[in-house]
Protein backbone atom coordinates (compact mmCIF):
# COMPACT_ATOMS: atom_id res chain seq x y z
CA MET A 1 0.00 0.00 0.00
CA PHE A 2 2.86 2.38 0.73
CA LYS A 3 4.02 1.80 -2.85
CA HIS A 4 0.64 3.00 -4.13
CA PHE A 5 0.80 6.10 -1.94
CA ILE A 6 4.24 6.93 -3.32
CA ILE A 7 2.96 6.50 -6.88
CA LEU A 8 0.02 8.81 -6.16
CA GLU A 9 2.32 11.49 -4.77
CA TRP A 10 4.60 11.18 -7.80
CA LYS A 11 1.64 11.62 -10.16
CA SER A 12 0.50 14.63 -8.13
CA PHE A 13 3.97 16.13 -8.58
CA ILE A 14 4.37 15.56 -12.34
CA ARG A 15 0.77 16.55 -13.19
CA SER A 16 0.81 19.75 -11.20
CA ALA A 17 0.33 23.04 -13.04
CA SER A 18 3.42 24.29 -11.24
CA LEU A 19 5.62 21.39 -12.38
CA GLY A 20 8.33 23.71 -13.71
CA THR A 21 8.30 25.62 -10.46
CA ASN A 22 8.48 22.39 -8.46
CA ILE A 23 11.46 21.09 -10.43
CA ALA A 24 13.34 24.38 -10.15
CA MET A 25 12.54 24.52 -6.45
CA LYS A 26 13.77 20.95 -5.92
CA ILE A 27 17.07 21.80 -7.63
CA ILE A 28 17.61 24.89 -5.49
CA MET A 29 16.54 23.02 -2.35
CA GLY A 30 19.06 20.33 -3.25
CA LEU A 31 21.84 22.89 -3.51
CA VAL A 32 20.80 24.45 -0.21
CA ALA A 33 20.71 20.98 1.35
CA LEU A 34 24.25 20.28 0.13
CA TYR A 35 25.40 23.56 1.66
CA PHE A 36 23.95 22.75 5.08
CA ILE A 37 25.18 19.15 4.91
CA THR A 38 28.70 20.47 4.30
CA ILE A 39 28.44 22.97 7.15
CA PHE A 40 27.11 20.39 9.62
CA THR A 41 29.70 17.82 8.60
CA LEU A 42 32.58 20.26 9.01
CA ALA A 43 31.15 21.38 12.34
CA GLY A 44 30.82 17.78 13.51
CA VAL A 45 34.49 17.14 12.72
CA GLY A 46 35.89 20.45 13.90
CA VAL A 47 33.92 21.25 17.05
CA PHE A 48 35.81 18.65 19.08
CA PHE A 49 39.21 20.20 18.34
CA LEU A 50 37.86 23.75 18.62
CA ILE A 51 36.58 23.13 22.13
CA LYS A 52 39.63 21.17 23.25
CA GLU A 53 42.44 23.25 21.73
CA GLU A 54 40.95 26.74 21.62
CA ALA A 55 38.62 26.79 24.64
CA HIS A 56 40.68 24.23 26.62
CA LEU A 57 37.54 22.40 27.76
CA GLU A 58 36.48 18.77 27.72
CA PRO A 59 34.56 18.46 24.39
CA LEU A 60 31.86 15.92 25.28
CA ILE A 61 31.00 17.52 28.62
CA THR A 62 30.83 20.95 26.97
CA ILE A 63 28.59 19.69 24.16
CA ASN A 64 26.28 18.00 26.67
CA LYS A 65 26.13 21.16 28.74
CA PHE A 66 24.79 23.35 25.94
CA ILE A 67 23.04 20.76 23.77
CA VAL A 68 19.71 21.67 25.39
CA TYR A 69 19.78 24.91 23.38
CA TYR A 70 20.57 22.91 20.25
CA PHE A 71 17.40 20.85 20.74
CA LEU A 72 15.27 23.88 21.65
CA GLY A 73 16.55 25.77 18.61
CA ASP A 74 15.81 22.76 16.44
CA LEU A 75 12.23 22.66 17.73
CA VAL A 76 11.68 26.36 17.03
CA ILE A 77 13.07 26.07 13.50
CA ARG A 78 10.92 23.01 12.84
CA TYR A 79 7.78 24.83 13.96
CA PHE A 80 8.31 27.62 11.47
CA PHE A 81 9.80 25.74 8.53
CA GLN A 82 9.08 22.00 8.65
CA LYS A 83 6.02 21.11 6.62
CA MET A 84 3.62 18.59 8.01
CA PRO A 85 2.92 15.41 6.00
CA VAL A 86 0.10 16.17 3.60
CA MET A 87 -2.02 13.77 1.60
CA ASN A 88 -5.25 14.31 -0.23
CA ILE A 89 -6.95 11.84 2.10
CA LYS A 90 -10.59 12.62 1.31
CA PRO A 91 -10.88 10.18 -1.65
CA LEU A 92 -8.91 7.56 0.28
CA LEU A 93 -11.43 7.43 3.12
CA THR A 94 -14.08 5.90 0.83
CA LEU A 95 -11.74 3.11 -0.28
CA PRO A 96 -10.94 -0.16 1.54
CA ILE A 97 -7.70 1.21 2.97
CA LYS A 98 -6.94 0.86 6.65
CA ARG A 99 -6.81 4.15 8.53
CA ASN A 100 -3.69 2.93 10.34
CA THR A 101 -1.91 2.54 6.99
CA ILE A 102 -2.71 6.12 5.96
CA VAL A 103 -1.52 7.54 9.28
CA HIS A 104 1.63 5.38 9.36
CA PHE A 105 2.54 6.60 5.89
CA THR A 106 2.01 10.28 6.67
CA LEU A 107 4.00 10.05 9.91
CA GLY A 108 6.64 7.92 8.24
CA LYS A 109 7.26 10.78 5.80
CA THR A 110 8.34 12.95 8.69
CA GLY A 111 10.86 10.29 9.75
CA ILE A 112 12.90 10.80 6.57
CA SER A 113 12.50 14.56 6.66
CA PHE A 114 15.60 16.62 5.92
CA PHE A 115 15.16 18.21 9.35
CA ASN A 116 15.98 14.81 10.87
CA LEU A 117 18.62 13.60 8.46
CA LEU A 118 20.60 16.84 8.62
CA HIS A 119 21.49 16.30 12.29
CA ALA A 120 23.10 12.98 11.42
CA PHE A 121 25.71 14.86 9.40
CA PHE A 122 26.78 16.60 12.61
CA PHE A 123 26.48 13.84 15.20
CA ILE A 124 27.92 10.96 13.15
CA PRO A 125 31.21 12.79 12.38
CA PHE A 126 31.36 14.02 15.98
CA THR A 127 30.81 10.45 17.22
CA ILE A 128 33.58 9.17 14.93
CA VAL A 129 35.97 11.84 16.25
CA LEU A 130 35.13 10.80 19.81
CA LEU A 131 35.93 7.17 18.99
CA MET A 132 39.21 8.16 17.33
CA ASN A 133 40.23 10.05 20.45
CA GLY A 134 39.94 7.16 22.84
CA TYR A 135 36.39 7.45 24.17
CA SER A 136 34.61 4.21 25.12
CA VAL A 137 33.05 2.68 22.02
CA ALA A 138 30.01 1.27 23.80
CA HIS A 139 29.28 4.45 25.76
CA VAL A 140 29.75 6.72 22.75
CA LEU A 141 27.29 4.62 20.75
CA LEU A 142 24.77 4.75 23.59
CA TRP A 143 25.20 8.53 23.77
CA HIS A 144 24.67 8.78 20.02
CA LEU A 145 21.47 6.72 20.18
CA GLY A 146 20.12 8.91 22.98
CA VAL A 147 20.88 12.13 21.10
CA MET A 148 19.29 10.94 17.84
CA ALA A 149 16.24 9.79 19.82
CA MET A 150 15.92 13.37 21.10
CA ILE A 151 15.95 14.59 17.48
CA TYR A 152 13.02 12.30 16.66
CA ALA A 153 11.27 13.32 19.86
CA ASN A 154 11.48 16.89 18.56
CA ASN A 155 10.05 15.71 15.25
CA PHE A 156 6.92 14.19 16.76
CA THR A 157 6.58 17.07 19.25
CA ASN A 158 6.39 19.42 16.28
CA VAL A 159 3.72 17.21 14.72
CA LEU A 160 1.60 17.52 17.86
CA ILE A 161 2.00 21.27 18.41
CA ASN A 162 1.84 22.18 14.72
CA ASN A 163 -0.22 25.35 14.22
CA LYS A 164 -1.03 25.55 17.95
CA ASP A 165 0.15 29.12 18.40
CA SER A 166 -1.50 29.42 21.82
CA PHE A 167 0.86 26.72 23.06
CA PHE A 168 3.99 27.43 21.05
CA TYR A 169 4.49 31.15 21.58
CA PRO A 170 4.30 31.01 25.41
CA VAL A 171 6.86 28.18 25.27
CA LEU A 172 9.04 30.27 22.96
CA LEU A 173 8.82 33.15 25.43
CA ILE A 174 9.89 30.85 28.27
CA ILE A 175 12.86 29.62 26.20
CA ALA A 176 13.91 33.20 25.48
CA CYS A 177 13.65 34.13 29.17
CA VAL A 178 15.72 31.09 30.19
CA ALA A 179 18.41 31.93 27.62
CA LEU A 180 18.54 35.57 28.73
CA SER A 181 18.65 34.61 32.39
CA GLN A 182 21.65 32.39 31.70
CA TYR A 183 23.34 35.09 29.59
CA TYR A 184 23.02 37.58 32.45
CA ASN A 185 23.92 34.94 35.10
CA PHE A 186 20.52 34.90 36.82
CA PHE A 187 19.72 31.22 36.27
CA ASP A 188 21.76 28.49 34.59
CA ILE A 189 19.53 25.76 33.18
CA THR A 190 22.54 23.86 31.86
CA ALA A 191 23.52 23.01 35.46
CA TYR A 192 20.51 20.66 35.44
CA THR A 193 20.32 19.56 31.80
CA GLY A 194 24.07 19.03 31.32
CA PRO A 195 24.37 16.11 33.78
CA PHE A 196 21.30 14.47 32.22
CA PHE A 197 22.73 14.47 28.69
CA GLN A 198 26.16 13.51 30.04
CA SER A 199 24.54 10.47 31.64
CA PHE A 200 23.81 9.14 28.13
CA TYR A 201 27.55 8.46 28.06
CA THR A 202 28.38 7.69 31.68
CA THR A 203 25.57 5.18 32.29
CA ASN A 204 24.25 2.14 30.49
CA PHE A 205 20.52 2.88 30.80
CA VAL A 206 19.67 6.62 30.68
CA PHE A 207 19.84 6.64 26.88
CA VAL A 208 16.68 4.52 26.94
CA PHE A 209 14.60 7.44 28.27
CA PRO A 210 14.76 9.60 25.12
CA ILE A 211 14.03 6.50 23.03
CA LEU A 212 10.92 5.81 25.11
CA LEU A 213 10.00 9.49 24.86
CA ALA A 214 10.25 9.38 21.05
CA ILE A 215 8.11 6.22 20.92
CA ALA A 216 5.49 7.76 23.23
CA LEU A 217 5.33 10.95 21.17
CA PHE A 218 4.97 8.89 17.99
CA TYR A 219 2.07 7.04 19.61
CA PHE A 220 0.33 10.27 20.64
CA ALA A 221 0.88 11.75 17.18
CA PHE A 222 -0.49 8.58 15.61
CA MET A 223 -3.61 8.63 17.79
CA HIS A 224 -4.09 12.36 17.13
CA PHE A 225 -3.98 11.89 13.35
CA LYS A 226 -6.11 8.77 13.46
CA SER A 227 -8.83 10.36 15.61
CA ASN A 228 -9.09 13.27 13.16
CA LEU A 229 -9.04 11.14 10.02
CA ASN A 230 -12.70 11.69 9.28
CA ILE A 231 -14.48 13.57 6.53
CA ASP A 232 -16.90 15.23 8.94
CA THR A 233 -14.35 16.19 11.64
CA GLY A 234 -10.72 16.03 10.61
CA LEU A 235 -11.29 17.69 7.27
CA ALA A 236 -13.95 20.13 8.36
CA LYS A 237 -12.87 23.66 9.06
CA LYS A 238 -13.55 25.03 12.47
CA SER A 239 -16.37 27.55 12.48
CA ASP A 240 -15.85 30.67 14.49
CA GLU A 241 -18.40 33.21 15.61
CA ALA A 242 -19.27 35.47 12.70
CA LYS A 243 -18.51 39.14 13.15
CA THR A 244 -19.61 42.03 10.98
CA GLU A 245 -16.87 44.42 9.93
CA ASN A 246 -18.20 47.03 7.54
CA TYR A 247 -15.35 49.58 7.36
CA THR A 248 -17.84 52.07 5.96
CA TRP A 249 -15.23 54.85 6.00
CA LEU A 250 -13.62 53.14 2.98
CA ASN A 251 -16.78 53.52 0.87
CA GLN A 252 -15.62 56.97 -0.24
CA PHE A 253 -12.90 55.30 -2.32
CA GLY A 254 -15.36 53.38 -4.49
CA THR A 255 -14.22 50.04 -5.93
CA LEU A 256 -10.75 50.59 -4.49
CA GLY A 257 -12.30 50.84 -1.03
CA THR A 258 -14.16 47.54 -1.57
CA PHE A 259 -10.91 45.74 -2.32
CA LEU A 260 -9.20 47.37 0.66
CA LYS A 261 -12.03 46.11 2.89
CA ASN A 262 -11.46 42.56 1.66
CA ASP A 263 -7.71 42.81 2.25
CA ILE A 264 -8.15 44.17 5.77
CA ARG A 265 -10.59 41.37 6.59
CA LEU A 266 -8.15 38.83 5.13
CA LEU A 267 -5.33 40.14 7.32
CA ARG A 268 -7.46 40.04 10.45
CA ARG A 269 -9.26 36.72 10.01
CA ASN A 270 -6.75 34.25 8.58
CA LYS A 271 -3.78 32.62 10.27
CA ARG A 272 -1.45 32.76 7.28
CA SER A 273 -2.04 36.45 6.58
CA ARG A 274 -1.82 37.38 10.27
CA THR A 275 1.60 35.75 10.31
CA THR A 276 2.75 38.19 7.63
CA LEU A 277 1.84 41.05 9.95
CA ILE A 278 3.91 39.50 12.73
CA MET A 279 6.84 39.00 10.38
CA SER A 280 6.66 42.58 9.10
CA VAL A 281 7.12 43.78 12.69
CA VAL A 282 10.09 41.41 13.12
CA PHE A 283 11.64 42.87 9.96
CA ILE A 284 11.70 46.32 11.57
CA PHE A 285 14.25 45.08 14.10
CA TYR A 286 16.33 43.36 11.43
CA GLY A 287 18.44 46.50 11.09
CA LEU A 288 19.87 46.01 14.58
CA LEU A 289 22.15 43.33 13.14
CA PHE A 290 23.60 45.91 10.74
CA PHE A 291 23.55 49.21 12.58
CA THR A 292 24.96 48.02 15.93
CA ASN A 293 28.20 46.94 14.22
CA SER A 294 27.82 43.53 15.87
CA ILE A 295 28.68 41.70 12.63
CA GLU A 296 31.69 42.93 10.69
CA ALA A 297 30.45 41.67 7.30
CA TYR A 298 27.33 43.87 7.61
CA GLN A 299 29.22 47.13 8.01
CA SER A 300 29.78 47.85 4.30
CA PRO A 301 27.74 50.72 2.74
CA ALA A 302 25.91 48.41 0.33
CA MET A 303 24.83 46.08 3.14
CA GLN A 304 23.52 48.98 5.21
CA VAL A 305 21.18 50.14 2.45
CA PHE A 306 20.20 46.46 2.16
CA ALA A 307 19.13 46.69 5.80
CA GLY A 308 17.23 49.91 5.11
CA ILE A 309 15.23 48.15 2.41
CA PHE A 310 14.35 45.25 4.72
CA VAL A 311 13.46 47.35 7.77
CA THR A 312 10.62 49.11 5.94
CA GLY A 313 9.81 46.38 3.42
CA GLY A 314 8.77 43.56 5.73
CA PHE A 315 5.07 43.70 4.87
CA LEU A 316 5.80 44.48 1.24
CA PHE A 317 7.91 41.33 0.84
CA THR A 318 5.86 38.93 2.99
CA PHE A 319 2.45 40.07 1.73
CA GLY A 320 3.24 41.35 -1.75
CA GLN A 321 5.03 38.22 -2.91
CA PHE A 322 1.77 36.25 -2.60
CA VAL A 323 -0.41 38.53 -4.73
CA PRO A 324 -2.77 37.24 -6.14
CA SER A 325 -2.48 33.90 -4.30
CA TRP A 326 -4.14 35.45 -1.26
CA ASP A 327 -7.38 35.44 -3.27
CA SER A 328 -6.87 32.02 -4.85
CA SER A 329 -9.88 30.45 -3.07
CA TYR A 330 -12.30 32.79 -4.87
CA TYR A 331 -10.14 34.00 -7.77
CA GLN A 332 -12.33 32.28 -10.39
CA LEU A 333 -15.45 34.02 -9.07
CA MET A 334 -13.67 37.36 -8.90
CA MET A 335 -12.46 37.09 -12.49
CA SER A 336 -16.01 36.38 -13.68
CA GLN A 337 -17.12 39.78 -12.37
CA ASN A 338 -16.81 43.15 -14.06
CA ILE A 339 -13.60 43.99 -12.19
CA GLN A 340 -10.76 46.09 -13.51
CA TYR A 341 -7.34 44.58 -12.86
CA LYS A 342 -5.96 48.07 -12.27
CA GLU A 343 -8.32 48.67 -9.36
CA TYR A 344 -7.56 45.24 -7.91
CA LEU A 345 -3.79 45.83 -8.11
CA SER A 346 -4.11 49.40 -6.81
CA SER A 347 -5.73 48.16 -3.61
CA LYS A 348 -2.78 45.81 -2.98
CA TRP A 349 -0.33 48.59 -3.83
CA TRP A 350 -1.91 51.10 -1.46
CA LEU A 351 -1.97 48.53 1.32
CA MET A 352 1.78 47.94 0.89
CA VAL A 353 2.45 51.70 0.73
CA ILE A 354 0.53 52.33 3.96
CA ALA A 355 2.37 49.48 5.71
CA THR A 356 5.72 50.82 4.48
CA VAL A 357 4.97 54.31 5.82
CA ILE A 358 3.89 52.90 9.19
CA SER A 359 7.05 50.77 9.37
CA THR A 360 9.18 53.84 8.64
CA ILE A 361 7.53 55.76 11.46
CA ILE A 362 7.95 52.88 13.92
CA ALA A 363 11.61 52.56 12.86
CA SER A 364 12.30 56.13 13.97
CA PHE A 365 14.01 54.68 17.06
CA TYR A 366 16.99 54.09 14.77
CA LEU A 367 17.67 57.83 15.17
CA TYR A 368 19.51 56.69 18.28
CA PHE A 369 22.27 55.48 15.95
CA GLY A 370 22.42 58.79 14.10
CA TRP A 371 20.49 60.62 11.41
CA GLN A 372 22.57 58.96 8.66
CA ILE A 373 21.28 55.56 9.73
CA TYR A 374 17.67 56.70 9.79
CA MET A 375 18.08 58.34 6.39
CA LEU A 376 19.14 54.94 5.02
CA ILE A 377 15.82 53.61 6.29
CA VAL A 378 13.85 56.54 4.85
CA VAL A 379 15.38 56.26 1.37
CA GLY A 380 14.84 52.49 1.60
CA ALA A 381 11.14 53.19 2.22
CA ILE A 382 11.03 55.58 -0.78
CA PHE A 383 12.62 52.91 -2.98
CA ASN A 384 10.20 50.28 -1.67
CA ILE A 385 7.20 52.48 -2.48
CA GLY A 386 8.41 53.62 -5.89
CA VAL A 387 10.12 50.50 -7.23
CA ASN A 388 9.81 47.36 -5.10
CA SER A 389 6.03 47.65 -4.69
CA HIS A 390 5.71 47.41 -8.47
CA LEU A 391 8.20 44.56 -8.72
CA VAL A 392 6.37 42.37 -6.19
CA LEU A 393 3.09 42.93 -8.05
CA LEU A 394 4.79 42.07 -11.33
CA ALA A 395 6.24 38.88 -9.86
CA GLY A 396 2.79 37.95 -8.52
CA ALA A 397 1.49 37.56 -12.07
CA PHE A 398 3.60 34.41 -12.37
CA VAL A 399 2.57 32.81 -9.06
CA LYS A 400 0.56 29.74 -9.89
CA THR A 401 0.00 27.95 -6.58
CA PRO A 402 -2.97 28.60 -4.25
CA ILE A 403 -2.54 29.48 -0.58
CA ASP A 404 -4.25 27.73 2.30
CA LEU A 405 -5.18 30.67 4.52
CA SER A 406 -5.80 28.41 7.52
CA GLN A 407 -2.13 27.41 7.62
CA ALA A 408 0.59 29.66 9.05
CA LYS A 409 3.44 27.68 7.50
CA GLY A 410 5.53 29.31 4.83
CA ALA A 411 5.23 32.83 6.12
CA PHE A 412 8.87 33.34 5.27
CA GLY A 413 8.31 32.39 1.66
CA ASN A 414 8.22 29.11 -0.21
CA LYS A 415 7.54 27.64 -3.61
CA GLN A 416 4.16 29.35 -3.73
CA ALA A 417 5.96 32.54 -4.66
CA PHE A 418 8.89 31.04 -6.51
CA ASN A 419 9.75 30.30 -10.12
CA VAL A 420 12.54 31.36 -12.44
CA ARG A 421 10.74 34.49 -13.61
CA THR A 422 9.85 35.65 -10.09
CA MET A 423 13.47 35.05 -9.06
CA LEU A 424 14.77 37.22 -11.92
CA ILE A 425 12.23 39.94 -11.12
CA SER A 426 13.25 39.79 -7.45
CA LEU A 427 16.94 40.50 -8.07
CA PRO A 428 16.51 44.28 -8.66
CA LYS A 429 14.65 44.63 -5.36
CA LEU A 430 17.93 44.43 -3.47
CA LEU A 431 20.75 44.65 -6.01
CA LEU A 432 19.58 47.91 -7.61
CA PRO A 433 19.42 50.03 -4.42
CA MET A 434 22.68 48.49 -3.17
CA GLY A 435 24.37 49.31 -6.47
CA LEU A 436 23.00 52.87 -6.62
CA TYR A 437 24.07 53.63 -3.07
CA ALA A 438 27.52 52.12 -3.54
CA LEU A 439 27.98 54.14 -6.75
CA GLY A 440 27.12 57.43 -5.08
CA TYR A 441 29.00 56.53 -1.88
CA TYR A 442 32.32 55.69 -3.51
CA VAL A 443 32.23 58.18 -6.42
CA TYR A 444 30.99 61.24 -4.54
CA SER A 445 29.73 60.93 -0.94
CA PRO A 446 27.28 58.99 1.27
CA GLU A 447 24.70 61.74 0.77
CA THR A 448 24.95 61.28 -3.00
CA GLY A 449 24.29 57.58 -2.58
CA LEU A 450 21.14 58.39 -0.61
CA ILE A 451 20.02 60.78 -3.36
CA PHE A 452 20.55 58.12 -6.04
CA VAL A 453 18.41 55.55 -4.20
CA ALA A 454 15.69 58.06 -3.32
CA SER A 455 15.61 59.39 -6.90
CA ALA A 456 14.96 55.88 -8.25
CA GLY A 457 12.01 55.58 -5.86
CA VAL A 458 10.63 59.00 -6.80
CA LEU A 459 10.87 58.20 -10.52
CA GLY A 460 9.08 54.90 -9.99
CA PHE A 461 6.31 56.69 -8.11
CA ALA A 462 6.03 59.39 -10.81
CA PHE A 463 5.57 56.84 -13.58
CA ARG A 464 3.38 54.48 -11.58
CA ASN A 465 0.42 54.80 -13.99
CA LYS A 466 2.55 53.62 -16.92
CA VAL A 467 3.97 50.81 -14.81
CA PHE A 468 0.49 49.73 -13.73
CA GLU A 469 -0.62 49.55 -17.36
CA LEU A 470 2.27 47.20 -18.11
CA ILE A 471 1.58 45.04 -15.05
CA GLU A 472 -2.13 44.93 -15.89
CA LYS A 473 -1.38 43.59 -19.39
CA ILE A 474 0.82 40.84 -17.93
CA TYR A 475 -1.88 39.84 -15.42
CA LYS A 476 -4.42 39.63 -18.24
CA SER A 477 -2.11 37.44 -20.34
CA GLU A 478 -1.61 35.09 -17.36
CA LYS A 479 -5.25 35.17 -16.25
CA TYR A 480 -6.48 31.80 -17.54
CA ALA A 481 -3.28 29.94 -16.69
CA THR A 482 -3.59 31.27 -13.14
CA ILE A 483 -7.27 30.24 -12.88
CA ALA A 484 -6.46 26.74 -14.11
CA ALA A 485 -3.61 26.41 -11.62
CA TYR A 486 -5.72 27.62 -8.70
CA LYS A 487 -8.24 24.86 -9.41
CA GLN A 488 -5.65 22.30 -8.40
CA LYS A 489 -5.66 21.55 -4.69
CA ASN A 490 -2.57 19.30 -4.57
């Protein structure tokens, strides 16, 4: 039966309207995977000697002391990035297929997830180095089994808490408080967790506990999936209390106001779109990595204007890259109405402009670092409004995959906004302002660089009507291909 499931998933992949996008994405993901595999492998080999020769500490004890943060960080990253196993199970429920088989297959897919396999490229080389340096073979292997069991415990924990924001974010806050308390020497959690992980090596039985934990979590995940594997419960969307939100003050803007109402409701009511709002706030603080001089590589002029673009462009990038996929669930109906593309696109554009202005105002605390720093943010906002807002709308014309608004995953971007054309369109978003600023900075002065970037934004804003006409034509040419792609649910 597993063989049939694999065949079905393969057919879903090759018959998808976004096949070209999927192939390109798989190639890039493969390259990214090779990069991280290399990094983890080198770290697994080198961390032993780095700790022993540079820090003059005992490597295994040191690793066990801080490995709790490794596991916690892994869990946080999984929550945001690891996709849950997905199958189009509705047609399967009417067939003579055991429910246990369906659930075992979906959970089994998580077992071979890259998020699990990647850790092996760190811990296997590290284990080999331990063995080569005289550590007990039996105890090292027991330690390795215990650590890998913790990785799989994280995997099934993520399955259980997936999309449960009410549980995850309080836990994330507790983790942050614990880390800060240790950093400022208020409370050291490693004094309690370190001996536990060290006991994987020093004893012959403690390694069994994480294995039992992983098995128990698998069982709970299995029962959770199985209990919800029903057409009338597991697949039914939860109904919330209906609330009327008229936003009558937007009526004065006519059709544009109608679209703005829909977008505001979308941002307030759906998990995926609300996540973009959270991420746009996080982007505002992204500049602290650049403007505090904490990272030497970020101190170049070009990288600082890069930060200025990101500080004010959080909403523009996270929301704009998914236009028109936000409306994919009713895009066919919308296109059957007497709706002008220009008005539809203008509502998205104004929403991004308003968010960019608000982000710029909130980012005024960067004045603490000097007016030059804040001017980088201001000219970044001008460039975002005049140029990048048009580029994200243009790239949206080539997005061919619908968005599930009930899911928060992928808020950072994924294949739903990726193909070769969108990638090429995305390059000027960052390279152009960086190049303009560097040109003015090195040829004349920093102020000239600011003028160059701001001038590009002003020109883009001045010719926005011409640009919208071009974008509208492209959307019309892609209209029916987009409708056909949005019909596909897999």
